[in-house]
Amino acid sequence: MLQDINTGKGNTSLLALSCFSTTEKAELFYLNLRKAFKNIASTIGDSLSEGILCNEDGRKAKTASNGHFDFYEYETCDLNKTFQITKNLIENKDEKD
């Protein structure tokens, strides 16, 4: 477990899936990451996937104003059944390198 520097409390966000409430908010967040970190695609990927999360899949943290929320999947969860890659977030292949 990591410790949040601002609050001094434990933070397990590193272990969660990073999710968004809408496709548009996910794309905007990724665009801002690409502006700040040139090689972000090689670190976290370059594709958007969409699907439906159910209570039986895991625990959802509070949604932030930018639409982001952490999702902690249960051991029995198989998101491959409900999620599909829907979009490559980098249209120009040269930008991936």
N, C-alpha and C. Protein backbone atom coordinates (compact mmCIF):
# COMPACT_ATOMS: atom_id res chain seq x y z
N MET A 1 0.84 -1.16 0.00
CA MET A 1 0.00 0.00 0.00
C MET A 1 0.89 1.24 0.00
N LEU A 2 0.51 2.22 -0.76
CA LEU A 2 1.22 3.49 -0.81
C LEU A 2 0.59 4.46 0.18
N GLN A 3 1.34 5.48 0.53
CA GLN A 3 0.80 6.49 1.43
C GLN A 3 0.60 7.79 0.66
N ASP A 4 -0.58 8.38 0.80
CA ASP A 4 -0.90 9.66 0.18
C ASP A 4 -0.15 10.74 0.94
N ILE A 5 0.71 11.47 0.27
CA ILE A 5 1.54 12.50 0.90
C ILE A 5 0.69 13.60 1.51
N ASN A 6 -0.40 13.98 0.83
CA ASN A 6 -1.24 15.08 1.30
C ASN A 6 -2.03 14.74 2.56
N THR A 7 -2.51 13.51 2.66
CA THR A 7 -3.37 13.15 3.79
C THR A 7 -2.69 12.26 4.81
N GLY A 8 -1.59 11.60 4.43
CA GLY A 8 -0.92 10.67 5.33
C GLY A 8 -1.64 9.34 5.44
N LYS A 9 -2.70 9.16 4.67
CA LYS A 9 -3.47 7.92 4.71
C LYS A 9 -3.00 6.96 3.62
N GLY A 10 -3.30 5.68 3.82
CA GLY A 10 -2.96 4.67 2.82
C GLY A 10 -3.71 4.91 1.53
N ASN A 11 -3.06 4.61 0.40
CA ASN A 11 -3.66 4.81 -0.91
C ASN A 11 -3.35 3.59 -1.76
N THR A 12 -4.39 2.92 -2.22
CA THR A 12 -4.22 1.74 -3.06
C THR A 12 -4.59 2.02 -4.52
N SER A 13 -4.69 3.27 -4.90
CA SER A 13 -5.10 3.64 -6.24
C SER A 13 -4.22 3.01 -7.31
N LEU A 14 -2.97 2.80 -7.01
CA LEU A 14 -2.04 2.18 -7.94
C LEU A 14 -2.51 0.78 -8.35
N LEU A 15 -3.26 0.12 -7.50
CA LEU A 15 -3.72 -1.24 -7.74
C LEU A 15 -5.06 -1.29 -8.48
N ALA A 16 -5.68 -0.17 -8.70
CA ALA A 16 -7.01 -0.11 -9.31
C ALA A 16 -6.95 0.07 -10.82
N LEU A 17 -8.05 -0.28 -11.47
CA LEU A 17 -8.21 0.05 -12.89
C LEU A 17 -8.65 1.50 -12.96
N SER A 18 -8.10 2.24 -13.88
CA SER A 18 -8.48 3.63 -14.06
C SER A 18 -9.63 3.70 -15.05
N CYS A 19 -10.78 4.18 -14.59
CA CYS A 19 -11.98 4.20 -15.42
C CYS A 19 -12.56 5.60 -15.49
N PHE A 20 -13.47 5.80 -16.46
CA PHE A 20 -14.11 7.10 -16.64
C PHE A 20 -15.60 6.92 -16.85
N SER A 21 -16.35 7.95 -16.47
CA SER A 21 -17.80 7.89 -16.56
C SER A 21 -18.31 8.01 -17.99
N THR A 22 -17.52 8.65 -18.88
CA THR A 22 -17.92 8.77 -20.29
C THR A 22 -16.70 8.60 -21.19
N THR A 23 -16.96 8.23 -22.42
CA THR A 23 -15.91 8.11 -23.43
C THR A 23 -15.21 9.44 -23.63
N GLU A 24 -15.99 10.50 -23.71
CA GLU A 24 -15.43 11.83 -23.96
C GLU A 24 -14.45 12.25 -22.86
N LYS A 25 -14.80 11.98 -21.61
CA LYS A 25 -13.92 12.35 -20.50
C LYS A 25 -12.65 11.51 -20.51
N ALA A 26 -12.76 10.26 -20.90
CA ALA A 26 -11.57 9.40 -21.00
C ALA A 26 -10.64 9.91 -22.09
N GLU A 27 -11.19 10.28 -23.23
CA GLU A 27 -10.37 10.79 -24.33
C GLU A 27 -9.69 12.10 -23.97
N LEU A 28 -10.39 13.00 -23.30
CA LEU A 28 -9.81 14.28 -22.89
C LEU A 28 -8.68 14.06 -21.89
N PHE A 29 -8.88 13.16 -20.94
CA PHE A 29 -7.85 12.85 -19.96
C PHE A 29 -6.60 12.31 -20.64
N TYR A 30 -6.80 11.39 -21.58
CA TYR A 30 -5.66 10.80 -22.30
C TYR A 30 -4.93 11.87 -23.12
N LEU A 31 -5.68 12.75 -23.76
CA LEU A 31 -5.07 13.83 -24.54
C LEU A 31 -4.19 14.69 -23.65
N ASN A 32 -4.66 15.01 -22.47
CA ASN A 32 -3.87 15.81 -21.53
C ASN A 32 -2.63 15.05 -21.04
N LEU A 33 -2.76 13.74 -20.84
CA LEU A 33 -1.60 12.94 -20.47
C LEU A 33 -0.55 12.96 -21.59
N ARG A 34 -1.02 12.84 -22.84
CA ARG A 34 -0.08 12.85 -23.98
C ARG A 34 0.65 14.17 -24.09
N LYS A 35 -0.01 15.26 -23.74
CA LYS A 35 0.65 16.57 -23.77
C LYS A 35 1.74 16.65 -22.71
N ALA A 36 1.49 16.05 -21.56
CA ALA A 36 2.43 16.12 -20.44
C ALA A 36 3.54 15.07 -20.52
N PHE A 37 3.22 13.90 -21.09
CA PHE A 37 4.17 12.79 -21.13
C PHE A 37 4.25 12.24 -22.55
N LYS A 38 5.34 12.56 -23.23
CA LYS A 38 5.49 12.22 -24.64
C LYS A 38 5.30 10.73 -24.93
N ASN A 39 5.84 9.86 -24.10
CA ASN A 39 5.81 8.42 -24.35
C ASN A 39 4.75 7.69 -23.54
N ILE A 40 3.65 8.36 -23.21
CA ILE A 40 2.63 7.75 -22.36
C ILE A 40 2.05 6.48 -23.00
N ALA A 41 1.96 6.44 -24.31
CA ALA A 41 1.39 5.26 -24.98
C ALA A 41 2.20 4.00 -24.70
N SER A 42 3.51 4.14 -24.59
CA SER A 42 4.34 2.96 -24.33
C SER A 42 4.24 2.52 -22.87
N THR A 43 3.74 3.38 -22.02
CA THR A 43 3.59 3.06 -20.60
C THR A 43 2.21 2.49 -20.27
N ILE A 44 1.15 3.15 -20.76
CA ILE A 44 -0.21 2.72 -20.39
C ILE A 44 -1.04 2.26 -21.57
N GLY A 45 -0.47 2.29 -22.77
CA GLY A 45 -1.23 1.86 -23.94
C GLY A 45 -1.83 3.03 -24.70
N ASP A 46 -2.55 2.71 -25.76
CA ASP A 46 -3.09 3.77 -26.62
C ASP A 46 -4.52 3.49 -27.07
N SER A 47 -5.20 2.59 -26.39
CA SER A 47 -6.54 2.21 -26.83
C SER A 47 -7.57 2.48 -25.76
N LEU A 48 -8.78 2.76 -26.22
CA LEU A 48 -9.92 2.96 -25.34
C LEU A 48 -10.80 1.72 -25.41
N SER A 49 -11.21 1.24 -24.26
CA SER A 49 -12.16 0.12 -24.24
C SER A 49 -13.41 0.58 -23.49
N GLU A 50 -14.53 -0.02 -23.87
CA GLU A 50 -15.80 0.33 -23.25
C GLU A 50 -16.53 -0.92 -22.82
N GLY A 51 -17.27 -0.79 -21.74
CA GLY A 51 -18.05 -1.91 -21.24
C GLY A 51 -18.89 -1.47 -20.05
N ILE A 52 -19.53 -2.43 -19.44
CA ILE A 52 -20.40 -2.15 -18.30
C ILE A 52 -19.83 -2.84 -17.07
N LEU A 53 -19.72 -2.06 -15.99
CA LEU A 53 -19.26 -2.59 -14.71
C LEU A 53 -20.48 -2.86 -13.83
N CYS A 54 -20.50 -4.01 -13.20
CA CYS A 54 -21.58 -4.38 -12.30
C CYS A 54 -21.05 -4.48 -10.87
N ASN A 55 -21.95 -4.40 -9.90
CA ASN A 55 -21.54 -4.54 -8.49
C ASN A 55 -20.83 -5.85 -8.23
N GLU A 56 -21.19 -6.89 -8.97
CA GLU A 56 -20.57 -8.20 -8.79
C GLU A 56 -19.13 -8.25 -9.31
N ASP A 57 -18.75 -7.24 -10.12
CA ASP A 57 -17.41 -7.20 -10.71
C ASP A 57 -16.36 -6.66 -9.75
N GLY A 58 -16.76 -5.78 -8.83
CA GLY A 58 -15.79 -5.19 -7.93
C GLY A 58 -16.33 -3.96 -7.24
N ARG A 59 -15.41 -3.16 -6.71
CA ARG A 59 -15.78 -1.95 -5.98
C ARG A 59 -15.35 -0.72 -6.75
N LYS A 60 -16.24 0.24 -6.84
CA LYS A 60 -16.00 1.50 -7.55
C LYS A 60 -15.78 2.60 -6.53
N ALA A 61 -14.70 3.37 -6.73
CA ALA A 61 -14.45 4.53 -5.88
C ALA A 61 -15.31 5.70 -6.36
N LYS A 62 -15.33 6.75 -5.60
CA LYS A 62 -16.11 7.95 -5.94
C LYS A 62 -15.60 8.54 -7.26
N THR A 63 -16.52 8.99 -8.10
CA THR A 63 -16.17 9.60 -9.38
C THR A 63 -15.75 11.05 -9.16
N ALA A 64 -14.58 11.41 -9.70
CA ALA A 64 -14.07 12.78 -9.60
C ALA A 64 -14.78 13.68 -10.61
N SER A 65 -14.58 14.97 -10.48
CA SER A 65 -15.23 15.93 -11.38
C SER A 65 -14.81 15.76 -12.84
N ASN A 66 -13.62 15.18 -13.08
CA ASN A 66 -13.16 14.95 -14.45
C ASN A 66 -13.67 13.62 -15.01
N GLY A 67 -14.52 12.93 -14.25
CA GLY A 67 -15.10 11.66 -14.70
C GLY A 67 -14.29 10.43 -14.32
N HIS A 68 -13.12 10.60 -13.74
CA HIS A 68 -12.26 9.47 -13.39
C HIS A 68 -12.71 8.80 -12.10
N PHE A 69 -12.62 7.48 -12.09
CA PHE A 69 -12.82 6.73 -10.85
C PHE A 69 -11.96 5.48 -10.88
N ASP A 70 -11.55 5.05 -9.69
CA ASP A 70 -10.79 3.81 -9.55
C ASP A 70 -11.78 2.66 -9.42
N PHE A 71 -11.41 1.53 -10.02
CA PHE A 71 -12.24 0.33 -9.91
C PHE A 71 -11.36 -0.82 -9.46
N TYR A 72 -11.77 -1.45 -8.37
CA TYR A 72 -11.03 -2.58 -7.81
C TYR A 72 -11.80 -3.85 -8.14
N GLU A 73 -11.31 -4.60 -9.11
CA GLU A 73 -12.04 -5.78 -9.55
C GLU A 73 -11.85 -6.94 -8.58
N TYR A 74 -12.93 -7.71 -8.41
CA TYR A 74 -12.87 -8.91 -7.59
C TYR A 74 -12.12 -10.01 -8.34
N GLU A 75 -11.61 -10.96 -7.61
CA GLU A 75 -10.84 -12.05 -8.19
C GLU A 75 -11.64 -12.83 -9.25
N THR A 76 -12.92 -12.94 -9.07
CA THR A 76 -13.76 -13.70 -10.00
C THR A 76 -14.21 -12.89 -11.21
N CYS A 77 -13.87 -11.63 -11.26
CA CYS A 77 -14.29 -10.74 -12.34
C CYS A 77 -13.53 -11.05 -13.63
N ASP A 78 -14.26 -11.09 -14.74
CA ASP A 78 -13.63 -11.28 -16.05
C ASP A 78 -14.14 -10.19 -16.99
N LEU A 79 -13.43 -9.07 -17.03
CA LEU A 79 -13.86 -7.94 -17.85
C LEU A 79 -13.73 -8.22 -19.34
N ASN A 80 -13.00 -9.26 -19.71
CA ASN A 80 -12.91 -9.63 -21.13
C ASN A 80 -14.28 -10.00 -21.69
N LYS A 81 -15.19 -10.40 -20.83
CA LYS A 81 -16.54 -10.79 -21.27
C LYS A 81 -17.42 -9.59 -21.58
N THR A 82 -17.16 -8.45 -20.94
CA THR A 82 -18.06 -7.30 -21.08
C THR A 82 -17.40 -6.07 -21.69
N PHE A 83 -16.08 -6.07 -21.83
CA PHE A 83 -15.39 -4.90 -22.39
C PHE A 83 -14.81 -5.21 -23.76
N GLN A 84 -14.82 -4.21 -24.63
CA GLN A 84 -14.21 -4.33 -25.96
C GLN A 84 -13.39 -3.08 -26.25
N ILE A 85 -12.27 -3.27 -26.93
CA ILE A 85 -11.49 -2.12 -27.40
C ILE A 85 -12.29 -1.46 -28.51
N THR A 86 -12.53 -0.17 -28.35
CA THR A 86 -13.38 0.54 -29.30
C THR A 86 -12.66 1.60 -30.13
N LYS A 87 -11.49 2.03 -29.66
CA LYS A 87 -10.83 3.13 -30.37
C LYS A 87 -9.35 3.17 -30.06
N ASN A 88 -8.55 3.45 -31.09
CA ASN A 88 -7.14 3.76 -30.91
C ASN A 88 -7.07 5.26 -30.66
N LEU A 89 -6.45 5.67 -29.57
CA LEU A 89 -6.41 7.08 -29.20
C LEU A 89 -5.30 7.86 -29.89
N ILE A 90 -4.47 7.16 -30.64
CA ILE A 90 -3.42 7.83 -31.41
C ILE A 90 -3.63 7.44 -32.87
N GLU A 91 -4.19 8.34 -33.64
CA GLU A 91 -4.49 8.04 -35.04
C GLU A 91 -3.23 7.90 -35.89
N ASN A 92 -2.23 8.73 -35.61
CA ASN A 92 -1.00 8.74 -36.39
C ASN A 92 -0.01 7.74 -35.80
N LYS A 93 0.27 6.65 -36.52
CA LYS A 93 1.16 5.61 -35.99
C LYS A 93 2.54 6.15 -35.64
N ASP A 94 3.02 7.17 -36.35
CA ASP A 94 4.33 7.73 -36.08
C ASP A 94 4.40 8.32 -34.65
N GLU A 95 3.26 8.75 -34.13
CA GLU A 95 3.24 9.34 -32.80
C GLU A 95 3.40 8.29 -31.71
N LYS A 96 3.19 7.02 -32.03
CA LYS A 96 3.32 5.96 -31.02
C LYS A 96 4.76 5.75 -30.61
N ASP A 97 5.68 6.00 -31.49
CA ASP A 97 7.10 5.73 -31.22
C ASP A 97 7.77 6.84 -30.45
